Amino acid sequence: MGQRLLERFTVRMLGDYQTRRPLPLVKEAGFVVERTERLKVGTVERVAARKPAD
């Protein structure tokens, strides 16, 4: 809930969405996800992905 409140300010000032989840966006863009990691009590999501070979 704190992230949603903070997001009201960070979106306006920095364009930064605190609640955006990158994993579905990366998959939808067609990248192959090699690994994911959640850090800082789940507030940071690190995604390693690559463009598929043609």
C-alpha atoms as a PDB file:
ATOM      1  CA  MET A   1       0.000   0.000   0.000  1.00  0.00           C
ATOM      2  CA  GLY A   2       2.880   2.367   0.721  1.00  0.00           C
ATOM      3  CA  GLN A   3       4.188   1.911  -2.805  1.00  0.00           C
ATOM      4  CA  ARG A   4       0.849   2.931  -4.312  1.00  0.00           C
ATOM      5  CA  LEU A   5       0.817   6.102  -2.224  1.00  0.00           C
ATOM      6  CA  LEU A   6       4.423   6.898  -3.102  1.00  0.00           C
ATOM      7  CA  GLU A   7       3.672   6.252  -6.774  1.00  0.00           C
ATOM      8  CA  ARG A   8       1.294   9.228  -6.871  1.00  0.00           C
ATOM      9  CA  PHE A   9       4.314  11.483  -6.433  1.00  0.00           C
ATOM     10  CA  THR A  10       7.020   9.554  -8.277  1.00  0.00           C
ATOM     11  CA  VAL A  11       4.966   9.268 -11.476  1.00  0.00           C
ATOM     12  CA  ARG A  12       4.351  13.019 -11.619  1.00  0.00           C
ATOM     13  CA  MET A  13       7.883  14.052 -10.684  1.00  0.00           C
ATOM     14  CA  LEU A  14      10.020  11.272 -12.197  1.00  0.00           C
ATOM     15  CA  GLY A  15       7.781   9.134 -14.406  1.00  0.00           C
ATOM     16  CA  ASP A  16       8.637   6.206 -12.115  1.00  0.00           C
ATOM     17  CA  TYR A  17       5.935   3.600 -11.456  1.00  0.00           C
ATOM     18  CA  GLN A  18       6.545   1.814  -8.139  1.00  0.00           C
ATOM     19  CA  THR A  19       3.976  -0.913  -8.796  1.00  0.00           C
ATOM     20  CA  ARG A  20       4.832  -1.766 -12.412  1.00  0.00           C
ATOM     21  CA  ARG A  21       5.836  -5.394 -12.885  1.00  0.00           C
ATOM     22  CA  PRO A  22       8.407  -5.728 -15.670  1.00  0.00           C
ATOM     23  CA  LEU A  23       8.245  -9.514 -16.152  1.00  0.00           C
ATOM     24  CA  PRO A  24       4.904  -9.632 -18.033  1.00  0.00           C
ATOM     25  CA  LEU A  25       5.967  -6.644 -20.155  1.00  0.00           C
ATOM     26  CA  VAL A  26       9.255  -8.294 -21.110  1.00  0.00           C
ATOM     27  CA  LYS A  27       7.498 -11.551 -22.046  1.00  0.00           C
ATOM     28  CA  GLU A  28       4.825  -9.692 -24.018  1.00  0.00           C
ATOM     29  CA  ALA A  29       7.571  -7.911 -25.987  1.00  0.00           C
ATOM     30  CA  GLY A  30       8.813 -11.319 -27.142  1.00  0.00           C
ATOM     31  CA  PHE A  31      11.997 -11.627 -25.106  1.00  0.00           C
ATOM     32  CA  VAL A  32      13.170 -14.935 -23.662  1.00  0.00           C
ATOM     33  CA  VAL A  33      13.472 -14.628 -19.885  1.00  0.00           C
ATOM     34  CA  GLU A  34      16.630 -16.295 -18.589  1.00  0.00           C
ATOM     35  CA  ARG A  35      16.266 -15.449 -14.889  1.00  0.00           C
ATOM     36  CA  THR A  36      14.388 -13.241 -12.466  1.00  0.00           C
ATOM     37  CA  GLU A  37      15.217 -12.071  -8.981  1.00  0.00           C
ATOM     38  CA  ARG A  38      13.256 -10.163  -6.329  1.00  0.00           C
ATOM     39  CA  LEU A  39      15.288  -7.959  -4.008  1.00  0.00           C
ATOM     40  CA  LYS A  40      14.736  -5.498  -1.177  1.00  0.00           C
ATOM     41  CA  VAL A  41      11.725  -7.260   0.361  1.00  0.00           C
ATOM     42  CA  GLY A  42      10.112  -7.642  -3.055  1.00  0.00           C
ATOM     43  CA  THR A  43      10.288  -3.974  -4.043  1.00  0.00           C
ATOM     44  CA  VAL A  44      12.925  -4.524  -6.739  1.00  0.00           C
ATOM     45  CA  GLU A  45      12.484  -7.041  -9.537  1.00  0.00           C
ATOM     46  CA  ARG A  46      15.518  -7.812 -11.663  1.00  0.00           C
ATOM     47  CA  VAL A  47      14.887  -9.530 -15.001  1.00  0.00           C
ATOM     48  CA  ALA A  48      17.554 -10.932 -17.327  1.00  0.00           C
ATOM     49  CA  ALA A  49      16.202 -11.551 -20.823  1.00  0.00           C
ATOM     50  CA  ARG A  50      17.427 -11.859 -24.381  1.00  0.00           C
ATOM     51  CA  LYS A  51      16.021 -11.343 -27.820  1.00  0.00           C
ATOM     52  CA  PRO A  52      15.182 -14.711 -29.388  1.00  0.00           C
ATOM     53  CA  ALA A  53      17.328 -15.903 -32.274  1.00  0.00           C
ATOM     54  CA  ASP A  54      15.646 -15.619 -35.655  1.00  0.00           C
END
